Amino acid sequence: MARSGSISGSEQGFDPKGVMRQDLQPVHIPIEPPRRPGRRFESPLILMYGFGSLIAIGTILLWLPFFNVQGEFTPFLDALFTATSAATVTGLVTLDTATYWNFSGQLIIASLIQIGGLGFMSTATFLLIIFTQRISLTNQLFMGDFLGARNASGIARLTIQVVALTLIIQVLAFGIIFWRFIPIYDLQEGAWQAAFLTISAFNNAGFNIISNSSSLAIFRDEMWVIGTVTVLIIFGSIGYSVLVESFRRRRFGRFSLDSKLVILTTMILWVVGTTVMFVSEFNNEATLKGSPVGSQIIDSFVQSVSGRTAGFSTIDFGETQQHTNFFFTGLMFIGGASGSTAGGIKVNTVAVILIAVMATIRGRNQPEVFGREIPFGQIQRALAVLSLAVVAVFVVAFLLAITERFPYEDLIFETVSAFGTVGLSTGITSELTSWGRSIIIATMFVGRIGPLTIALALGQRQQRAVYRYSQERVRIG
């Protein structure tokens, strides 16, 4: 309802002496109340709507009988599970991708992976640039945080660079894998296998359509294939801004602080993961034992890279040692870099928290690294993301313990794999109950958009306090 306001003074009917003039009447000008901008389609919730719509479309298509080899309607929960796993680039499946879906169904899955991996917002922004040449200010700010652009004006250029660079990388990788597949498959089948594997690897999805093979075990000794897949996983998991900056600046000293932390933390995780896998499994006949030491080290490195973000494996994680799975549960929880195709709470988050912890241990009030100080607000956001992720994993694992009858360590592994959108499994995914599958579906969705949405939402709400209360200490430890 509009409010009215009156004009005072001489304009309201008074002469300079303060006497009411008879020839003028008070004038009332309607004042429209300020309109609140609609929040329904503002970032970061637009990411949720985008992924939800993508999953809905994928579910309906995969549910239809035209996209599987049996020519029958796919059970709806299985169609929803597959569409969610593909769109969130997780890789957990209840139906064998190679044998259940026909070419059209596999094409839908590959499309969901590519769109979900590039990220709904980066894809949408790219299309807006091409077709309308316009990006709203709200989405500019959102994309700036998501892609790591330093200002809104650089978002369009960075988005085009990201899409172009990722396509070039995938085309080159496709050529290498296709070259190695020619002796194994016929021309058409080899091309499709190579294309699907390339899309899945770069987007850290973990899906494959290789028949009679557990993930990539059949190519365990094929270094060209395994090496190319590993490089694709690395490129996809370090983040778009880091990837572009690496190609443009090339020298570590010229990188931004964000890129330095991502690269350094990622390399540390690779080394630690490789060491733990090798030490834990070199004497396990079901995994690494029996292979030359060089092959064992390579296998360990591949699992360290892929097991944290992508879910491809050359060994069966149902046969690995319990402490190996426990350690990789932590790696999956961390995941890849912000703005990448990988999931998890992100290496950026972990790096910021560790720097803050080290500053506290050293008795410093300000966390510093590489000659730069990290804002306290970002530390708060990192702690919030970590805390909410821990709570989410605990709740999901608790619910699965109620609905399922598997060992708790397997349920924890499955939970973190779904939350981190990794896709590794000890083999229980297809045996979950309907309740268990529904819980995992929700976990994959939350794990894909949750950390980013929470961080951005907290960033939007951050504001300077008008007043502050007096401080009082609380006992710690």
Protein backbone atom coordinates (compact mmCIF):
# COMPACT_ATOMS: atom_id res chain seq x y z
CA MET A 1 0.00 0.00 0.00
CA ALA A 2 1.46 3.37 -1.06
CA ARG A 3 2.29 5.96 1.57
CA SER A 4 1.68 9.70 1.12
CA GLY A 5 4.02 12.50 1.97
CA SER A 6 3.29 16.29 2.19
CA ILE A 7 5.41 19.17 0.97
CA SER A 8 6.08 21.69 3.77
CA GLY A 9 7.02 25.37 3.81
CA SER A 10 5.97 27.87 1.15
CA GLU A 11 5.34 25.08 -1.32
CA GLN A 12 2.70 23.74 1.06
CA GLY A 13 0.65 27.00 1.06
CA PHE A 14 2.49 29.35 3.46
CA ASP A 15 3.80 32.77 2.56
CA PRO A 16 7.20 33.91 3.84
CA LYS A 17 5.52 35.43 6.96
CA GLY A 18 4.04 32.11 7.95
CA VAL A 19 0.43 32.99 7.05
CA MET A 20 -1.65 30.40 5.23
CA ARG A 21 -2.37 31.47 1.68
CA GLN A 22 -5.92 30.92 0.52
CA ASP A 23 -5.11 30.38 -3.15
CA LEU A 24 -2.96 27.33 -2.56
CA GLN A 25 -3.95 23.93 -1.27
CA PRO A 26 -1.67 21.35 0.27
CA VAL A 27 -0.18 19.08 -2.38
CA HIS A 28 0.15 15.41 -1.60
CA ILE A 29 2.69 13.42 -3.59
CA PRO A 30 2.40 9.63 -3.37
CA ILE A 31 5.60 7.93 -2.31
CA GLU A 32 6.03 4.36 -3.48
CA PRO A 33 7.48 2.01 -0.88
CA PRO A 34 10.86 0.56 -1.77
CA ARG A 35 10.58 -2.75 -3.55
CA ARG A 36 12.48 -5.68 -2.21
CA PRO A 37 14.30 -7.55 -4.93
CA GLY A 38 13.12 -11.08 -5.37
CA ARG A 39 15.50 -13.56 -3.80
CA ARG A 40 14.15 -16.69 -5.39
CA PHE A 41 16.35 -16.49 -8.45
CA GLU A 42 19.31 -14.63 -6.99
CA SER A 43 22.64 -16.34 -6.41
CA PRO A 44 23.65 -18.47 -4.69
CA LEU A 45 20.25 -20.22 -4.69
CA ILE A 46 20.21 -20.11 -8.49
CA LEU A 47 22.86 -22.85 -8.36
CA MET A 48 20.44 -25.05 -6.46
CA TYR A 49 17.62 -24.39 -8.91
CA GLY A 50 19.92 -25.05 -11.85
CA PHE A 51 21.19 -28.38 -10.59
CA GLY A 52 17.71 -29.38 -9.47
CA SER A 53 16.32 -28.67 -12.94
CA LEU A 54 19.20 -30.51 -14.60
CA ILE A 55 18.64 -33.57 -12.42
CA ALA A 56 14.88 -33.48 -13.04
CA ILE A 57 15.33 -33.41 -16.81
CA GLY A 58 17.91 -36.19 -16.67
CA THR A 59 15.70 -38.32 -14.44
CA ILE A 60 12.70 -38.07 -16.76
CA LEU A 61 14.78 -38.96 -19.81
CA LEU A 62 16.55 -41.91 -18.17
CA TRP A 63 13.23 -43.18 -16.81
CA LEU A 64 11.83 -43.59 -20.34
CA PRO A 65 12.17 -46.99 -22.07
CA PHE A 66 13.96 -45.53 -25.11
CA PHE A 67 17.28 -45.15 -23.33
CA ASN A 68 18.06 -48.62 -21.98
CA VAL A 69 18.79 -51.93 -23.68
CA GLN A 70 15.74 -53.64 -22.20
CA GLY A 71 13.25 -51.22 -23.74
CA GLU A 72 11.32 -50.93 -20.45
CA PHE A 73 10.72 -48.11 -18.00
CA THR A 74 13.67 -47.81 -15.64
CA PRO A 75 12.73 -47.93 -11.94
CA PHE A 76 12.23 -44.28 -11.08
CA LEU A 77 14.54 -44.32 -8.05
CA ASP A 78 17.34 -45.81 -10.16
CA ALA A 79 16.80 -43.18 -12.86
CA LEU A 80 16.89 -40.44 -10.21
CA PHE A 81 19.99 -41.95 -8.62
CA THR A 82 21.83 -42.13 -11.96
CA ALA A 83 20.83 -38.62 -13.03
CA THR A 84 21.87 -37.16 -9.67
CA SER A 85 25.17 -39.03 -9.69
CA ALA A 86 25.93 -37.83 -13.23
CA ALA A 87 24.88 -34.20 -12.74
CA THR A 88 26.83 -33.96 -9.48
CA VAL A 89 29.77 -35.79 -11.14
CA THR A 90 29.87 -38.39 -8.38
CA GLY A 91 30.03 -41.76 -10.13
CA LEU A 92 28.10 -43.97 -7.72
CA VAL A 93 25.72 -46.22 -9.66
CA THR A 94 23.00 -48.74 -8.93
CA LEU A 95 22.85 -49.93 -12.57
CA ASP A 96 25.86 -50.89 -14.66
CA THR A 97 26.46 -47.97 -17.04
CA ALA A 98 28.11 -50.14 -19.71
CA THR A 99 25.44 -52.84 -19.97
CA TYR A 100 22.13 -51.31 -18.86
CA TRP A 101 22.01 -48.08 -20.87
CA ASN A 102 22.05 -47.98 -24.65
CA PHE A 103 24.00 -45.41 -26.66
CA SER A 104 21.30 -42.74 -26.22
CA GLY A 105 21.17 -43.32 -22.48
CA GLN A 106 24.95 -43.12 -22.20
CA LEU A 107 24.86 -39.91 -24.25
CA ILE A 108 22.40 -38.39 -21.76
CA ILE A 109 24.68 -39.40 -18.89
CA ALA A 110 27.71 -37.89 -20.62
CA SER A 111 25.78 -34.65 -21.22
CA LEU A 112 24.76 -34.47 -17.55
CA ILE A 113 28.39 -35.00 -16.55
CA GLN A 114 29.67 -32.29 -18.88
CA ILE A 115 27.09 -29.71 -17.82
CA GLY A 116 27.36 -30.59 -14.14
CA GLY A 117 31.14 -30.67 -14.26
CA LEU A 118 31.63 -27.33 -15.94
CA GLY A 119 29.21 -26.00 -13.37
CA PHE A 120 25.75 -24.69 -14.02
CA MET A 121 26.71 -21.07 -13.45
CA SER A 122 29.75 -21.08 -15.74
CA THR A 123 27.74 -22.77 -18.49
CA ALA A 124 24.83 -20.37 -18.05
CA THR A 125 27.14 -17.36 -18.06
CA PHE A 126 28.85 -18.55 -21.22
CA LEU A 127 25.49 -18.92 -22.97
CA LEU A 128 24.43 -15.46 -21.77
CA ILE A 129 27.61 -13.99 -23.22
CA ILE A 130 27.03 -15.68 -26.59
CA PHE A 131 23.30 -15.02 -26.96
CA THR A 132 22.53 -11.86 -25.01
CA GLN A 133 25.89 -10.23 -24.26
CA ARG A 134 24.50 -9.41 -20.83
CA ILE A 135 25.20 -10.61 -17.30
CA SER A 136 23.31 -9.29 -14.30
CA LEU A 137 25.29 -7.59 -11.54
CA THR A 138 24.14 -10.17 -8.99
CA ASN A 139 25.38 -13.05 -11.11
CA GLN A 140 28.59 -11.16 -11.89
CA LEU A 141 29.40 -11.03 -8.19
CA PHE A 142 28.46 -14.68 -7.78
CA MET A 143 30.55 -15.81 -10.75
CA GLY A 144 33.45 -13.68 -9.56
CA ASP A 145 33.60 -15.65 -6.33
CA PHE A 146 32.93 -18.97 -8.06
CA LEU A 147 35.53 -18.62 -10.83
CA GLY A 148 38.04 -16.63 -8.83
CA ALA A 149 37.91 -13.50 -10.98
CA ARG A 150 39.34 -10.45 -9.26
CA ASN A 151 36.65 -8.11 -10.55
CA ALA A 152 33.30 -8.36 -12.30
CA SER A 153 34.63 -7.00 -15.59
CA GLY A 154 36.98 -9.94 -15.98
CA ILE A 155 34.31 -12.61 -15.50
CA ALA A 156 33.14 -12.77 -19.12
CA ARG A 157 36.67 -13.08 -20.46
CA LEU A 158 37.62 -15.65 -17.83
CA THR A 159 34.50 -17.73 -18.53
CA ILE A 160 35.26 -17.86 -22.25
CA GLN A 161 38.86 -18.80 -21.48
CA VAL A 162 37.70 -21.55 -19.13
CA VAL A 163 35.29 -23.11 -21.62
CA ALA A 164 37.77 -22.84 -24.50
CA LEU A 165 40.65 -24.24 -22.48
CA THR A 166 38.65 -27.15 -21.10
CA LEU A 167 37.41 -28.09 -24.57
CA ILE A 168 40.95 -27.96 -25.98
CA ILE A 169 42.26 -30.15 -23.17
CA GLN A 170 39.47 -32.67 -23.67
CA VAL A 171 39.99 -32.81 -27.45
CA LEU A 172 43.72 -33.47 -27.04
CA ALA A 173 43.10 -36.14 -24.41
CA PHE A 174 40.44 -37.74 -26.59
CA GLY A 175 42.98 -38.07 -29.40
CA ILE A 176 45.48 -39.89 -27.16
CA ILE A 177 42.93 -42.27 -25.62
CA PHE A 178 41.28 -42.97 -28.97
CA TRP A 179 44.70 -43.83 -30.44
CA ARG A 180 45.20 -46.45 -27.71
CA PHE A 181 41.63 -47.79 -28.06
CA ILE A 182 41.89 -48.47 -31.82
CA PRO A 183 43.55 -51.92 -31.35
CA ILE A 184 40.91 -52.89 -28.77
CA TYR A 185 37.62 -51.65 -30.27
CA ASP A 186 36.30 -50.98 -33.73
CA LEU A 187 36.44 -47.39 -34.96
CA GLN A 188 32.97 -46.28 -33.85
CA GLU A 189 33.03 -48.05 -30.49
CA GLY A 190 36.56 -46.84 -29.78
CA ALA A 191 35.62 -43.23 -30.53
CA TRP A 192 32.63 -43.35 -28.19
CA GLN A 193 34.55 -45.10 -25.43
CA ALA A 194 37.33 -42.52 -25.67
CA ALA A 195 34.91 -39.58 -25.72
CA PHE A 196 32.93 -40.84 -22.72
CA LEU A 197 36.07 -41.59 -20.70
CA THR A 198 37.54 -38.18 -21.54
CA ILE A 199 34.41 -36.32 -20.42
CA SER A 200 34.12 -38.41 -17.27
CA ALA A 201 37.80 -38.06 -16.33
CA PHE A 202 38.11 -34.31 -16.84
CA ASN A 203 34.91 -33.69 -14.89
CA ASN A 204 36.05 -36.04 -12.12
CA ALA A 205 32.87 -38.10 -12.53
CA GLY A 206 34.17 -41.66 -12.26
CA PHE A 207 31.64 -43.06 -14.76
CA ASN A 208 32.87 -45.51 -17.39
CA ILE A 209 31.23 -47.68 -20.07
CA ILE A 210 34.02 -50.25 -20.30
CA SER A 211 32.50 -53.73 -20.26
CA ASN A 212 33.88 -56.55 -18.11
CA SER A 213 36.06 -54.24 -16.05
CA SER A 214 35.96 -52.80 -12.55
CA SER A 215 36.51 -49.11 -13.27
CA LEU A 216 39.88 -48.84 -15.09
CA ALA A 217 41.40 -52.12 -13.85
CA ILE A 218 41.58 -53.46 -17.41
CA PHE A 219 43.97 -50.60 -18.33
CA ARG A 220 46.13 -50.93 -15.23
CA ASP A 221 49.28 -51.56 -17.29
CA GLU A 222 48.36 -49.20 -20.14
CA MET A 223 50.33 -46.12 -19.16
CA TRP A 224 49.09 -43.94 -22.02
CA VAL A 225 45.46 -44.41 -20.94
CA ILE A 226 46.06 -44.26 -17.19
CA GLY A 227 48.46 -41.33 -17.54
CA THR A 228 46.06 -39.33 -19.72
CA VAL A 229 43.15 -40.00 -17.37
CA THR A 230 45.26 -38.93 -14.39
CA VAL A 231 46.27 -35.67 -16.09
CA LEU A 232 42.64 -34.98 -16.95
CA ILE A 233 41.64 -35.53 -13.33
CA ILE A 234 44.36 -33.13 -12.17
CA PHE A 235 43.32 -30.42 -14.63
CA GLY A 236 39.67 -30.79 -13.65
CA SER A 237 40.25 -30.79 -9.90
CA ILE A 238 42.64 -27.85 -9.39
CA GLY A 239 40.05 -25.22 -10.29
CA TYR A 240 39.35 -23.12 -13.35
CA SER A 241 41.08 -19.97 -12.15
CA VAL A 242 44.20 -21.92 -11.15
CA LEU A 243 44.24 -23.67 -14.50
CA VAL A 244 43.94 -20.43 -16.47
CA GLU A 245 46.47 -18.66 -14.26
CA SER A 246 48.95 -21.52 -14.66
CA PHE A 247 48.78 -21.21 -18.45
CA ARG A 248 49.03 -17.42 -18.38
CA ARG A 249 51.62 -16.67 -15.67
CA ARG A 250 53.56 -19.98 -15.62
CA ARG A 251 55.80 -18.98 -12.71
CA PHE A 252 54.75 -19.97 -9.18
CA GLY A 253 55.99 -16.71 -7.70
CA ARG A 254 53.61 -14.70 -9.87
CA PHE A 255 50.52 -16.69 -8.90
CA SER A 256 47.80 -15.31 -6.65
CA LEU A 257 47.69 -16.50 -3.05
CA ASP A 258 44.66 -18.68 -3.83
CA SER A 259 46.50 -20.50 -6.63
CA LYS A 260 49.61 -20.96 -4.50
CA LEU A 261 47.62 -22.53 -1.68
CA VAL A 262 45.72 -24.80 -4.04
CA ILE A 263 48.86 -26.06 -5.79
CA LEU A 264 50.90 -26.51 -2.61
CA THR A 265 48.13 -28.23 -0.63
CA THR A 266 47.23 -30.48 -3.57
CA MET A 267 50.83 -31.62 -4.02
CA ILE A 268 51.16 -32.39 -0.31
CA LEU A 269 47.98 -34.48 -0.46
CA TRP A 270 49.31 -36.34 -3.51
CA VAL A 271 52.54 -37.22 -1.74
CA VAL A 272 50.87 -38.23 1.50
CA GLY A 273 48.16 -40.22 -0.28
CA THR A 274 50.69 -42.05 -2.47
CA THR A 275 52.82 -42.91 0.55
CA VAL A 276 49.90 -44.20 2.62
CA MET A 277 48.52 -46.29 -0.26
CA PHE A 278 51.91 -47.83 -1.04
CA VAL A 279 52.85 -48.57 2.57
CA SER A 280 49.39 -49.96 3.40
CA GLU A 281 48.83 -52.08 0.29
CA PHE A 282 52.22 -53.19 -1.08
CA ASN A 283 51.85 -56.51 0.78
CA ASN A 284 48.14 -57.01 -0.01
CA GLU A 285 47.73 -59.74 -2.63
CA ALA A 286 44.26 -58.45 -3.58
CA THR A 287 45.55 -54.98 -4.50
CA LEU A 288 49.25 -54.15 -5.10
CA LYS A 289 51.28 -57.23 -4.16
CA GLY A 290 52.63 -59.13 -7.13
CA SER A 291 53.32 -56.09 -9.28
CA PRO A 292 56.80 -54.58 -9.75
CA VAL A 293 57.69 -51.83 -7.28
CA GLY A 294 57.53 -49.20 -10.02
CA SER A 295 54.02 -50.28 -10.98
CA GLN A 296 53.00 -50.26 -7.31
CA ILE A 297 54.19 -46.67 -6.92
CA ILE A 298 52.37 -45.61 -10.08
CA ASP A 299 49.19 -47.35 -8.92
CA SER A 300 49.49 -45.65 -5.54
CA PHE A 301 49.89 -42.25 -7.17
CA VAL A 302 46.91 -42.81 -9.47
CA GLN A 303 44.74 -43.78 -6.49
CA SER A 304 46.01 -40.76 -4.53
CA VAL A 305 44.97 -38.43 -7.37
CA SER A 306 41.74 -40.12 -8.40
CA GLY A 307 40.62 -41.41 -5.01
CA ARG A 308 40.36 -37.90 -3.60
CA THR A 309 38.16 -36.42 -6.32
CA ALA A 310 37.30 -38.63 -9.32
CA GLY A 311 36.52 -42.15 -8.17
CA PHE A 312 38.37 -44.02 -10.91
CA SER A 313 40.41 -46.92 -9.62
CA THR A 314 42.70 -49.64 -10.88
CA ILE A 315 42.17 -51.71 -7.72
CA ASP A 316 39.10 -52.87 -5.83
CA PHE A 317 38.49 -50.75 -2.73
CA GLY A 318 36.41 -53.59 -1.38
CA GLU A 319 39.68 -55.49 -0.95
CA THR A 320 41.86 -52.72 0.49
CA GLN A 321 42.94 -52.59 4.11
CA GLN A 322 40.54 -50.99 6.56
CA HIS A 323 43.03 -48.29 7.55
CA THR A 324 43.57 -47.50 3.84
CA ASN A 325 39.86 -46.88 3.40
CA PHE A 326 39.81 -44.81 6.58
CA PHE A 327 42.58 -42.56 5.28
CA PHE A 328 40.97 -42.19 1.86
CA THR A 329 37.74 -41.25 3.59
CA GLY A 330 39.59 -38.17 4.83
CA LEU A 331 40.97 -37.43 1.36
CA MET A 332 37.48 -37.67 -0.17
CA PHE A 333 36.14 -35.34 2.51
CA ILE A 334 38.72 -32.70 1.51
CA GLY A 335 38.14 -33.09 -2.25
CA GLY A 336 39.50 -30.73 -4.90
CA ALA A 337 39.85 -26.98 -5.31
CA SER A 338 37.13 -24.33 -5.23
CA GLY A 339 35.58 -23.61 -8.60
CA SER A 340 36.65 -27.01 -9.95
CA THR A 341 34.79 -30.09 -11.12
CA ALA A 342 35.62 -31.84 -7.83
CA GLY A 343 33.60 -31.93 -4.64
CA GLY A 344 34.46 -32.02 -0.92
CA ILE A 345 34.99 -29.08 1.40
CA LYS A 346 37.86 -28.04 -0.93
CA VAL A 347 41.61 -27.77 -0.42
CA ASN A 348 41.27 -23.98 -0.17
CA THR A 349 39.14 -24.40 2.94
CA VAL A 350 41.57 -26.84 4.52
CA ALA A 351 44.57 -24.62 3.72
CA VAL A 352 42.96 -21.56 5.31
CA ILE A 353 42.06 -23.50 8.47
CA LEU A 354 45.54 -25.00 8.79
CA ILE A 355 47.15 -21.59 8.37
CA ALA A 356 44.89 -20.18 11.09
CA VAL A 357 45.72 -23.11 13.38
CA MET A 358 49.47 -22.66 12.82
CA ALA A 359 49.15 -18.94 13.55
CA THR A 360 47.39 -19.73 16.82
CA ILE A 361 50.03 -22.29 17.80
CA ARG A 362 52.78 -19.77 17.07
CA GLY A 363 50.97 -17.14 19.13
CA ARG A 364 50.20 -14.78 16.23
CA ASN A 365 46.94 -12.90 16.03
CA GLN A 366 47.00 -12.62 12.22
CA PRO A 367 47.29 -15.70 9.98
CA GLU A 368 49.93 -15.02 7.34
CA VAL A 369 51.37 -17.02 4.44
CA PHE A 370 53.49 -16.13 1.39
CA GLY A 371 53.73 -12.55 2.64
CA ARG A 372 49.96 -12.11 2.71
CA GLU A 373 47.44 -11.90 5.54
CA ILE A 374 44.22 -13.91 5.32
CA PRO A 375 41.09 -11.92 6.34
CA PHE A 376 39.43 -13.12 9.52
CA GLY A 377 36.08 -13.28 7.72
CA GLN A 378 37.39 -15.96 5.37
CA ILE A 379 38.61 -18.01 8.31
CA GLN A 380 35.13 -17.84 9.79
CA ARG A 381 33.60 -18.99 6.50
CA ALA A 382 36.08 -21.86 6.23
CA LEU A 383 35.27 -23.00 9.76
CA ALA A 384 31.55 -22.76 9.02
CA VAL A 385 31.91 -24.91 5.88
CA LEU A 386 33.98 -27.49 7.78
CA SER A 387 31.60 -27.63 10.73
CA LEU A 388 28.45 -27.96 8.62
CA ALA A 389 30.11 -30.62 6.44
CA VAL A 390 31.05 -32.67 9.51
CA VAL A 391 27.49 -32.41 10.81
CA ALA A 392 26.07 -33.43 7.41
CA VAL A 393 28.32 -36.49 7.17
CA PHE A 394 27.48 -37.51 10.74
CA VAL A 395 23.73 -37.21 10.15
CA VAL A 396 23.84 -39.15 6.86
CA ALA A 397 26.01 -41.93 8.30
CA PHE A 398 23.67 -42.17 11.30
CA LEU A 399 20.61 -42.48 9.05
CA LEU A 400 22.31 -45.12 6.89
CA ALA A 401 23.23 -47.07 10.02
CA ILE A 402 19.51 -47.20 10.80
CA THR A 403 18.30 -48.21 7.32
CA GLU A 404 21.17 -50.48 6.19
CA ARG A 405 22.84 -53.61 7.54
CA PHE A 406 26.40 -53.09 6.39
CA PRO A 407 29.51 -52.54 8.53
CA TYR A 408 29.67 -48.99 9.79
CA GLU A 409 33.07 -48.35 8.18
CA ASP A 410 31.56 -49.17 4.77
CA LEU A 411 28.66 -46.80 5.42
CA ILE A 412 31.04 -44.00 6.42
CA PHE A 413 33.09 -44.61 3.27
CA GLU A 414 29.95 -44.53 1.12
CA THR A 415 28.66 -41.40 2.86
CA VAL A 416 31.85 -39.39 2.40
CA SER A 417 32.19 -40.65 -1.17
CA ALA A 418 28.70 -39.32 -1.93
CA PHE A 419 29.20 -36.06 -0.03
CA GLY A 420 32.58 -35.46 -1.69
CA THR A 421 31.07 -36.47 -5.07
CA VAL A 422 33.95 -38.92 -5.55
CA GLY A 423 32.26 -42.18 -6.47
CA LEU A 424 34.52 -44.72 -4.78
CA SER A 425 32.66 -47.57 -3.13
CA THR A 426 33.37 -50.77 -1.28
CA GLY A 427 30.66 -52.39 -3.41
CA ILE A 428 27.51 -51.72 -1.39
CA THR A 429 25.87 -49.05 -3.58
CA SER A 430 23.70 -51.39 -5.66
CA GLU A 431 22.65 -53.29 -2.52
CA LEU A 432 21.32 -50.29 -0.61
CA THR A 433 17.64 -50.23 0.29
CA SER A 434 15.28 -47.68 -1.22
CA TRP A 435 15.69 -45.55 1.89
CA GLY A 436 19.46 -45.84 1.66
CA ARG A 437 19.48 -44.83 -2.02
CA SER A 438 17.25 -41.86 -1.30
CA ILE A 439 19.61 -40.72 1.44
CA ILE A 440 22.62 -41.04 -0.86
CA ILE A 441 20.80 -39.07 -3.59
CA ALA A 442 20.23 -36.20 -1.19
CA THR A 443 23.82 -36.45 0.03
CA MET A 444 25.24 -36.19 -3.51
CA PHE A 445 23.11 -33.12 -4.20
CA VAL A 446 24.04 -31.39 -0.95
CA GLY A 447 27.69 -32.36 -1.33
CA ARG A 448 27.90 -30.83 -4.80
CA ILE A 449 26.30 -27.45 -4.13
CA GLY A 450 26.38 -27.24 -0.34
CA PRO A 451 29.91 -26.02 0.49
CA LEU A 452 29.91 -23.42 -2.29
CA THR A 453 26.38 -22.22 -1.54
CA ILE A 454 27.10 -21.92 2.17
CA ALA A 455 30.35 -20.02 1.60
CA LEU A 456 28.73 -17.61 -0.84
CA ALA A 457 25.66 -17.11 1.34
CA LEU A 458 27.86 -16.29 4.32
CA GLY A 459 29.90 -13.93 2.18
CA GLN A 460 26.79 -12.07 1.04
CA ARG A 461 25.58 -11.62 4.61
CA GLN A 462 28.92 -10.43 5.91
CA GLN A 463 28.71 -6.82 7.08
CA ARG A 464 30.44 -4.50 9.48
CA ALA A 465 28.91 -4.33 12.92
CA VAL A 466 27.36 -1.00 13.90
CA TYR A 467 28.28 -1.66 17.52
CA ARG A 468 30.23 -4.31 19.41
CA TYR A 469 29.79 -5.84 22.85
CA SER A 470 32.52 -5.97 25.45
CA GLN A 471 34.71 -9.07 25.26
CA GLU A 472 34.72 -11.89 27.78
CA ARG A 473 36.97 -14.94 27.65
CA VAL A 474 35.71 -18.54 27.50
CA ARG A 475 37.81 -21.51 28.62
CA ILE A 476 39.22 -23.54 25.72
CA GLY A 477 40.73 -27.01 25.98
